[in-house]
Amino acid sequence: MRSSLVSLMNPSTSRLVMARPPTTTTVQFRRKLTDADRTILLCAGKGNISNGFKNVLDCYAILWELGYRPKADLRDFLGVDKDSQ
């Protein structure tokens, strides 16, 4: 699971396969979850995937407010030493 978390934190190592191109007007989407994705959402939602998804969005909103942008390395932004993991 640790490598899955790392790939989530490093977009260059993750590749999402989309069924149809996303648009800014999308209100629903469906995606097949990997076991690692499901575990992360379940943990984030205390056993509820929908709540976990909402909590992950809330976390991202906070990171955005603090100045994080997708092209930035999240570990560098958070000041986490990559070698200490």
PDB file of N, CA and C in Angstrom:
ATOM      1  N   MET A   1       0.824  -1.192   0.000  1.00  0.00           N
ATOM      2  CA  MET A   1       0.000   0.000   0.000  1.00  0.00           C
ATOM      3  C   MET A   1       0.868   1.256   0.000  1.00  0.00           C
ATOM      4  N   ARG A   2       2.035   1.199   0.661  1.00  0.00           N
ATOM      5  CA  ARG A   2       2.889   2.371   0.725  1.00  0.00           C
ATOM      6  C   ARG A   2       3.256   2.877  -0.666  1.00  0.00           C
ATOM      7  N   SER A   3       3.601   1.972  -1.595  1.00  0.00           N
ATOM      8  CA  SER A   3       3.960   2.413  -2.941  1.00  0.00           C
ATOM      9  C   SER A   3       2.768   3.052  -3.647  1.00  0.00           C
ATOM     10  N   SER A   4       1.567   2.579  -3.345  1.00  0.00           N
ATOM     11  CA  SER A   4       0.377   3.184  -3.933  1.00  0.00           C
ATOM     12  C   SER A   4       0.174   4.598  -3.406  1.00  0.00           C
ATOM     13  N   LEU A   5       0.436   4.785  -2.119  1.00  0.00           N
ATOM     14  CA  LEU A   5       0.318   6.127  -1.556  1.00  0.00           C
ATOM     15  C   LEU A   5       1.353   7.050  -2.176  1.00  0.00           C
ATOM     16  N   VAL A   6       2.550   6.531  -2.379  1.00  0.00           N
ATOM     17  CA  VAL A   6       3.597   7.341  -2.998  1.00  0.00           C
ATOM     18  C   VAL A   6       3.190   7.718  -4.411  1.00  0.00           C
ATOM     19  N   SER A   7       2.621   6.772  -5.168  1.00  0.00           N
ATOM     20  CA  SER A   7       2.245   7.104  -6.536  1.00  0.00           C
ATOM     21  C   SER A   7       1.112   8.116  -6.561  1.00  0.00           C
ATOM     22  N   LEU A   8       0.255   8.110  -5.541  1.00  0.00           N
ATOM     23  CA  LEU A   8      -0.780   9.139  -5.470  1.00  0.00           C
ATOM     24  C   LEU A   8      -0.165  10.501  -5.219  1.00  0.00           C
ATOM     25  N   MET A   9       0.908  10.516  -4.441  1.00  0.00           N
ATOM     26  CA  MET A   9       1.535  11.773  -4.096  1.00  0.00           C
ATOM     27  C   MET A   9       2.472  12.259  -5.196  1.00  0.00           C
ATOM     28  N   ASN A  10       2.816  11.398  -6.133  1.00  0.00           N
ATOM     29  CA  ASN A  10       3.714  11.766  -7.216  1.00  0.00           C
ATOM     30  C   ASN A  10       3.022  11.479  -8.538  1.00  0.00           C
ATOM     31  N   PRO A  11       2.321  12.469  -9.091  1.00  0.00           N
ATOM     32  CA  PRO A  11       1.541  12.258 -10.301  1.00  0.00           C
ATOM     33  C   PRO A  11       2.328  11.719 -11.482  1.00  0.00           C
ATOM     34  N   SER A  12       3.637  11.919 -11.520  1.00  0.00           N
ATOM     35  CA  SER A  12       4.411  11.442 -12.660  1.00  0.00           C
ATOM     36  C   SER A  12       4.483   9.924 -12.699  1.00  0.00           C
ATOM     37  N   THR A  13       4.234   9.241 -11.570  1.00  0.00           N
ATOM     38  CA  THR A  13       4.277   7.784 -11.561  1.00  0.00           C
ATOM     39  C   THR A  13       2.897   7.169 -11.620  1.00  0.00           C
ATOM     40  N   SER A  14       1.861   7.962 -11.581  1.00  0.00           N
ATOM     41  CA  SER A  14       0.492   7.462 -11.668  1.00  0.00           C
ATOM     42  C   SER A  14      -0.081   7.764 -13.031  1.00  0.00           C
ATOM     43  N   ARG A  15      -0.883   6.826 -13.528  1.00  0.00           N
ATOM     44  CA  ARG A  15      -1.539   7.067 -14.808  1.00  0.00           C
ATOM     45  C   ARG A  15      -2.994   6.663 -14.667  1.00  0.00           C
ATOM     46  N   LEU A  16      -3.885   7.594 -14.878  1.00  0.00           N
ATOM     47  CA  LEU A  16      -5.306   7.316 -14.801  1.00  0.00           C
ATOM     48  C   LEU A  16      -5.837   7.054 -16.195  1.00  0.00           C
ATOM     49  N   VAL A  17      -6.646   6.031 -16.309  1.00  0.00           N
ATOM     50  CA  VAL A  17      -7.256   5.720 -17.588  1.00  0.00           C
ATOM     51  C   VAL A  17      -8.704   6.193 -17.528  1.00  0.00           C
ATOM     52  N   MET A  18      -9.066   7.105 -18.397  1.00  0.00           N
ATOM     53  CA  MET A  18     -10.400   7.696 -18.393  1.00  0.00           C
ATOM     54  C   MET A  18     -11.244   7.099 -19.513  1.00  0.00           C
ATOM     55  N   ALA A  19     -12.508   6.868 -19.220  1.00  0.00           N
ATOM     56  CA  ALA A  19     -13.430   6.332 -20.222  1.00  0.00           C
ATOM     57  C   ALA A  19     -13.819   7.402 -21.232  1.00  0.00           C
ATOM     58  N   ARG A  20     -14.016   8.612 -20.759  1.00  0.00           N
ATOM     59  CA  ARG A  20     -14.309   9.717 -21.676  1.00  0.00           C
ATOM     60  C   ARG A  20     -13.601  10.963 -21.150  1.00  0.00           C
ATOM     61  N   PRO A  21     -13.284  11.878 -22.022  1.00  0.00           N
ATOM     62  CA  PRO A  21     -12.523  13.052 -21.590  1.00  0.00           C
ATOM     63  C   PRO A  21     -13.291  13.875 -20.555  1.00  0.00           C
ATOM     64  N   PRO A  22     -12.602  14.349 -19.527  1.00  0.00           N
ATOM     65  CA  PRO A  22     -13.269  15.183 -18.529  1.00  0.00           C
ATOM     66  C   PRO A  22     -13.557  16.574 -19.093  1.00  0.00           C
ATOM     67  N   THR A  23     -14.591  17.184 -18.571  1.00  0.00           N
ATOM     68  CA  THR A  23     -14.912  18.566 -18.945  1.00  0.00           C
ATOM     69  C   THR A  23     -15.181  19.349 -17.675  1.00  0.00           C
ATOM     70  N   THR A  24     -15.218  20.649 -17.796  1.00  0.00           N
ATOM     71  CA  THR A  24     -15.490  21.484 -16.626  1.00  0.00           C
ATOM     72  C   THR A  24     -16.956  21.437 -16.216  1.00  0.00           C
ATOM     73  N   THR A  25     -17.812  20.828 -17.030  1.00  0.00           N
ATOM     74  CA  THR A  25     -19.235  20.739 -16.693  1.00  0.00           C
ATOM     75  C   THR A  25     -19.622  19.370 -16.129  1.00  0.00           C
ATOM     76  N   THR A  26     -18.650  18.481 -15.961  1.00  0.00           N
ATOM     77  CA  THR A  26     -18.925  17.148 -15.426  1.00  0.00           C
ATOM     78  C   THR A  26     -19.475  17.246 -14.004  1.00  0.00           C
ATOM     79  N   VAL A  27     -20.556  16.526 -13.732  1.00  0.00           N
ATOM     80  CA  VAL A  27     -21.135  16.514 -12.382  1.00  0.00           C
ATOM     81  C   VAL A  27     -21.057  15.126 -11.753  1.00  0.00           C
ATOM     82  N   GLN A  28     -20.840  14.109 -12.543  1.00  0.00           N
ATOM     83  CA  GLN A  28     -20.680  12.745 -12.036  1.00  0.00           C
ATOM     84  C   GLN A  28     -19.584  12.063 -12.840  1.00  0.00           C
ATOM     85  N   PHE A  29     -18.883  11.153 -12.188  1.00  0.00           N
ATOM     86  CA  PHE A  29     -17.939  10.343 -12.943  1.00  0.00           C
ATOM     87  C   PHE A  29     -17.871   8.962 -12.316  1.00  0.00           C
ATOM     88  N   ARG A  30     -17.488   8.018 -13.135  1.00  0.00           N
ATOM     89  CA  ARG A  30     -17.389   6.641 -12.683  1.00  0.00           C
ATOM     90  C   ARG A  30     -15.984   6.157 -13.006  1.00  0.00           C
ATOM     91  N   ARG A  31     -15.383   5.513 -12.050  1.00  0.00           N
ATOM     92  CA  ARG A  31     -14.002   5.073 -12.207  1.00  0.00           C
ATOM     93  C   ARG A  31     -13.801   3.772 -11.461  1.00  0.00           C
ATOM     94  N   LYS A  32     -13.097   2.852 -12.056  1.00  0.00           N
ATOM     95  CA  LYS A  32     -12.769   1.598 -11.384  1.00  0.00           C
ATOM     96  C   LYS A  32     -11.658   1.876 -10.380  1.00  0.00           C
ATOM     97  N   LEU A  33     -11.869   1.476  -9.140  1.00  0.00           N
ATOM     98  CA  LEU A  33     -10.895   1.710  -8.085  1.00  0.00           C
ATOM     99  C   LEU A  33      -9.943   0.533  -7.965  1.00  0.00           C
ATOM    100  N   THR A  34      -8.676   0.837  -7.804  1.00  0.00           N
ATOM    101  CA  THR A  34      -7.719  -0.212  -7.468  1.00  0.00           C
ATOM    102  C   THR A  34      -7.913  -0.542  -5.994  1.00  0.00           C
ATOM    103  N   ASP A  35      -7.336  -1.632  -5.551  1.00  0.00           N
ATOM    104  CA  ASP A  35      -7.433  -1.988  -4.131  1.00  0.00           C
ATOM    105  C   ASP A  35      -6.831  -0.891  -3.261  1.00  0.00           C
ATOM    106  N   ALA A  36      -5.711  -0.323  -3.713  1.00  0.00           N
ATOM    107  CA  ALA A  36      -5.060   0.742  -2.940  1.00  0.00           C
ATOM    108  C   ALA A  36      -5.945   1.989  -2.874  1.00  0.00           C
ATOM    109  N   ASP A  37      -6.567   2.367  -4.015  1.00  0.00           N
ATOM    110  CA  ASP A  37      -7.463   3.531  -4.031  1.00  0.00           C
ATOM    111  C   ASP A  37      -8.632   3.312  -3.068  1.00  0.00           C
ATOM    112  N   ARG A  38      -9.206   2.116  -3.118  1.00  0.00           N
ATOM    113  CA  ARG A  38     -10.347   1.791  -2.259  1.00  0.00           C
ATOM    114  C   ARG A  38      -9.932   1.869  -0.784  1.00  0.00           C
ATOM    115  N   THR A  39      -8.757   1.335  -0.472  1.00  0.00           N
ATOM    116  CA  THR A  39      -8.264   1.361   0.908  1.00  0.00           C
ATOM    117  C   THR A  39      -8.070   2.792   1.394  1.00  0.00           C
ATOM    118  N   ILE A  40      -7.493   3.622   0.548  1.00  0.00           N
ATOM    119  CA  ILE A  40      -7.266   5.023   0.930  1.00  0.00           C
ATOM    120  C   ILE A  40      -8.590   5.733   1.191  1.00  0.00           C
ATOM    121  N   LEU A  41      -9.560   5.554   0.287  1.00  0.00           N
ATOM    122  CA  LEU A  41     -10.862   6.211   0.468  1.00  0.00           C
ATOM    123  C   LEU A  41     -11.599   5.666   1.685  1.00  0.00           C
ATOM    124  N   LEU A  42     -11.491   4.375   1.926  1.00  0.00           N
ATOM    125  CA  LEU A  42     -12.121   3.797   3.117  1.00  0.00           C
ATOM    126  C   LEU A  42     -11.485   4.351   4.391  1.00  0.00           C
ATOM    127  N   CYS A  43     -10.167   4.464   4.396  1.00  0.00           N
ATOM    128  CA  CYS A  43      -9.477   5.035   5.570  1.00  0.00           C
ATOM    129  C   CYS A  43      -9.858   6.501   5.771  1.00  0.00           C
ATOM    130  N   ALA A  44      -9.875   7.245   4.682  1.00  0.00           N
ATOM    131  CA  ALA A  44     -10.208   8.672   4.759  1.00  0.00           C
ATOM    132  C   ALA A  44     -11.645   8.894   5.215  1.00  0.00           C
ATOM    133  N   GLY A  45     -12.522   7.929   4.949  1.00  0.00           N
ATOM    134  CA  GLY A  45     -13.930   8.066   5.306  1.00  0.00           C
ATOM    135  C   GLY A  45     -14.360   7.205   6.471  1.00  0.00           C
ATOM    136  N   LYS A  46     -13.390   6.670   7.222  1.00  0.00           N
ATOM    137  CA  LYS A  46     -13.692   5.796   8.364  1.00  0.00           C
ATOM    138  C   LYS A  46     -14.649   4.685   7.963  1.00  0.00           C
ATOM    139  N   GLY A  47     -14.350   4.038   6.823  1.00  0.00           N
ATOM    140  CA  GLY A  47     -15.150   2.919   6.362  1.00  0.00           C
ATOM    141  C   GLY A  47     -16.202   3.266   5.325  1.00  0.00           C
ATOM    142  N   ASN A  48     -16.336   4.542   4.990  1.00  0.00           N
ATOM    143  CA  ASN A  48     -17.332   4.979   4.014  1.00  0.00           C
ATOM    144  C   ASN A  48     -16.604   5.629   2.835  1.00  0.00           C
ATOM    145  N   ILE A  49     -16.666   4.956   1.659  1.00  0.00           N
ATOM    146  CA  ILE A  49     -15.935   5.453   0.485  1.00  0.00           C
ATOM    147  C   ILE A  49     -16.400   6.841   0.066  1.00  0.00           C
ATOM    148  N   SER A  50     -17.696   7.092   0.108  1.00  0.00           N
ATOM    149  CA  SER A  50     -18.211   8.410  -0.295  1.00  0.00           C
ATOM    150  C   SER A  50     -17.691   9.511   0.622  1.00  0.00           C
ATOM    151  N   ASN A  51     -17.708   9.251   1.921  1.00  0.00           N
ATOM    152  CA  ASN A  51     -17.163  10.236   2.864  1.00  0.00           C
ATOM    153  C   ASN A  51     -15.666  10.394   2.666  1.00  0.00           C
ATOM    154  N   GLY A  52     -14.989   9.284   2.367  1.00  0.00           N
ATOM    155  CA  GLY A  52     -13.550   9.346   2.113  1.00  0.00           C
ATOM    156  C   GLY A  52     -13.228  10.206   0.914  1.00  0.00           C
ATOM    157  N   PHE A  53     -14.015  10.063  -0.154  1.00  0.00           N
ATOM    158  CA  PHE A  53     -13.813  10.877  -1.347  1.00  0.00           C
ATOM    159  C   PHE A  53     -13.992  12.357  -1.007  1.00  0.00           C
ATOM    160  N   LYS A  54     -15.028  12.665  -0.253  1.00  0.00           N
ATOM    161  CA  LYS A  54     -15.282  14.058   0.157  1.00  0.00           C
ATOM    162  C   LYS A  54     -14.126  14.580   1.017  1.00  0.00           C
ATOM    163  N   ASN A  55     -13.635  13.748   1.927  1.00  0.00           N
ATOM    164  CA  ASN A  55     -12.528  14.167   2.792  1.00  0.00           C
ATOM    165  C   ASN A  55     -11.249  14.404   1.994  1.00  0.00           C
ATOM    166  N   VAL A  56     -11.003  13.575   0.989  1.00  0.00           N
ATOM    167  CA  VAL A  56      -9.824  13.776   0.136  1.00  0.00           C
ATOM    168  C   VAL A  56      -9.951  15.096  -0.627  1.00  0.00           C
ATOM    169  N   LEU A  57     -11.148  15.389  -1.127  1.00  0.00           N
ATOM    170  CA  LEU A  57     -11.375  16.680  -1.804  1.00  0.00           C
ATOM    171  C   LEU A  57     -11.156  17.842  -0.840  1.00  0.00           C
ATOM    172  N   ASP A  58     -11.634  17.703   0.396  1.00  0.00           N
ATOM    173  CA  ASP A  58     -11.427  18.746   1.400  1.00  0.00           C
ATOM    174  C   ASP A  58      -9.934  18.967   1.670  1.00  0.00           C
ATOM    175  N   CYS A  59      -9.192  17.869   1.757  1.00  0.00           N
ATOM    176  CA  CYS A  59      -7.745  17.983   1.977  1.00  0.00           C
ATOM    177  C   CYS A  59      -7.075  18.708   0.813  1.00  0.00           C
ATOM    178  N   TYR A  60      -7.476  18.371  -0.392  1.00  0.00           N
ATOM    179  CA  TYR A  60      -6.886  19.022  -1.559  1.00  0.00           C
ATOM    180  C   TYR A  60      -7.236  20.513  -1.573  1.00  0.00           C
ATOM    181  N   ALA A  61      -8.449  20.838  -1.196  1.00  0.00           N
ATOM    182  CA  ALA A  61      -8.847  22.256  -1.160  1.00  0.00           C
ATOM    183  C   ALA A  61      -7.962  23.035  -0.184  1.00  0.00           C
ATOM    184  N   ILE A  62      -7.645  22.429   0.940  1.00  0.00           N
ATOM    185  CA  ILE A  62      -6.773  23.087   1.922  1.00  0.00           C
ATOM    186  C   ILE A  62      -5.368  23.248   1.340  1.00  0.00           C
ATOM    187  N   LEU A  63      -4.853  22.193   0.708  1.00  0.00           N
ATOM    188  CA  LEU A  63      -3.531  22.292   0.087  1.00  0.00           C
ATOM    189  C   LEU A  63      -3.501  23.406  -0.960  1.00  0.00           C
ATOM    190  N   TRP A  64      -4.563  23.506  -1.752  1.00  0.00           N
ATOM    191  CA  TRP A  64      -4.650  24.550  -2.779  1.00  0.00           C
ATOM    192  C   TRP A  64      -4.606  25.934  -2.143  1.00  0.00           C
ATOM    193  N   GLU A  65      -5.368  26.109  -1.072  1.00  0.00           N
ATOM    194  CA  GLU A  65      -5.391  27.404  -0.371  1.00  0.00           C
ATOM    195  C   GLU A  65      -4.012  27.770   0.169  1.00  0.00           C
ATOM    196  N   LEU A  66      -3.235  26.746   0.522  1.00  0.00           N
ATOM    197  CA  LEU A  66      -1.892  26.980   1.056  1.00  0.00           C
ATOM    198  C   LEU A  66      -0.852  27.208  -0.042  1.00  0.00           C
ATOM    199  N   GLY A  67      -1.275  27.083  -1.313  1.00  0.00           N
ATOM    200  CA  GLY A  67      -0.380  27.375  -2.423  1.00  0.00           C
ATOM    201  C   GLY A  67       0.105  26.178  -3.208  1.00  0.00           C
ATOM    202  N   TYR A  68      -0.308  24.972  -2.838  1.00  0.00           N
ATOM    203  CA  TYR A  68       0.108  23.783  -3.582  1.00  0.00           C
ATOM    204  C   TYR A  68      -0.554  23.769  -4.954  1.00  0.00           C
ATOM    205  N   ARG A  69       0.218  23.371  -5.976  1.00  0.00           N
ATOM    206  CA  ARG A  69      -0.301  23.211  -7.320  1.00  0.00           C
ATOM    207  C   ARG A  69       0.133  21.846  -7.835  1.00  0.00           C
ATOM    208  N   PRO A  70      -0.639  21.233  -8.723  1.00  0.00           N
ATOM    209  CA  PRO A  70      -0.382  19.862  -9.165  1.00  0.00           C
ATOM    210  C   PRO A  70       1.019  19.584  -9.703  1.00  0.00           C
ATOM    211  N   LYS A  71       1.656  20.550 -10.314  1.00  0.00           N
ATOM    212  CA  LYS A  71       2.997  20.301 -10.861  1.00  0.00           C
ATOM    213  C   LYS A  71       4.077  20.296  -9.792  1.00  0.00           C
ATOM    214  N   ALA A  72       3.755  20.770  -8.613  1.00  0.00           N
ATOM    215  CA  ALA A  72       4.724  20.798  -7.517  1.00  0.00           C
ATOM    216  C   ALA A  72       4.846  19.407  -6.900  1.00  0.00           C
ATOM    217  N   ASP A  73       6.004  19.111  -6.355  1.00  0.00           N
ATOM    218  CA  ASP A  73       6.197  17.861  -5.628  1.00  0.00           C
ATOM    219  C   ASP A  73       5.556  18.021  -4.244  1.00  0.00           C
ATOM    220  N   LEU A  74       4.600  17.166  -3.936  1.00  0.00           N
ATOM    221  CA  LEU A  74       3.853  17.305  -2.685  1.00  0.00           C
ATOM    222  C   LEU A  74       4.747  17.129  -1.466  1.00  0.00           C
ATOM    223  N   ARG A  75       5.669  16.194  -1.521  1.00  0.00           N
ATOM    224  CA  ARG A  75       6.574  15.993  -0.375  1.00  0.00           C
ATOM    225  C   ARG A  75       7.428  17.240  -0.135  1.00  0.00           C
ATOM    226  N   ASP A  76       7.945  17.838  -1.221  1.00  0.00           N
ATOM    227  CA  ASP A  76       8.713  19.078  -1.064  1.00  0.00           C
ATOM    228  C   ASP A  76       7.836  20.174  -0.479  1.00  0.00           C
ATOM    229  N   PHE A  77       6.615  20.295  -0.990  1.00  0.00           N
ATOM    230  CA  PHE A  77       5.692  21.326  -0.506  1.00  0.00           C
ATOM    231  C   PHE A  77       5.423  21.163   0.988  1.00  0.00           C
ATOM    232  N   LEU A  78       5.265  19.908   1.427  1.00  0.00           N
ATOM    233  CA  LEU A  78       4.970  19.643   2.829  1.00  0.00           C
ATOM    234  C   LEU A  78       6.218  19.616   3.707  1.00  0.00           C
ATOM    235  N   GLY A  79       7.395  19.662   3.070  1.00  0.00           N
ATOM    236  CA  GLY A  79       8.638  19.625   3.831  1.00  0.00           C
ATOM    237  C   GLY A  79       8.945  18.252   4.377  1.00  0.00           C
ATOM    238  N   VAL A  80       8.485  17.205   3.685  1.00  0.00           N
ATOM    239  CA  VAL A  80       8.722  15.828   4.121  1.00  0.00           C
ATOM    240  C   VAL A  80       9.973  15.312   3.434  1.00  0.00           C
ATOM    241  N   ASP A  81      10.890  14.755   4.206  1.00  0.00           N
ATOM    242  CA  ASP A  81      12.113  14.194   3.656  1.00  0.00           C
ATOM    243  C   ASP A  81      11.790  12.873   2.978  1.00  0.00           C
ATOM    244  N   LYS A  82      12.048  12.781   1.682  1.00  0.00           N
ATOM    245  CA  LYS A  82      11.745  11.573   0.914  1.00  0.00           C
ATOM    246  C   LYS A  82      12.486  10.344   1.434  1.00  0.00           C
ATOM    247  N   ASP A  83      13.690  10.531   1.957  1.00  0.00           N
ATOM    248  CA  ASP A  83      14.493   9.409   2.408  1.00  0.00           C
ATOM    249  C   ASP A  83      14.093   8.905   3.786  1.00  0.00           C
ATOM    250  N   SER A  84      13.337   9.685   4.538  1.00  0.00           N
ATOM    251  CA  SER A  84      12.966   9.267   5.888  1.00  0.00           C
ATOM    252  C   SER A  84      11.748   8.356   5.895  1.00  0.00           C
ATOM    253  N   GLN A  85      11.141   8.126   4.748  1.00  0.00           N
ATOM    254  CA  GLN A  85       9.943   7.300   4.678  1.00  0.00           C
ATOM    255  C   GLN A  85      10.299   5.863   4.692  1.00  0.00           C
TER     256      GLN A  85
END
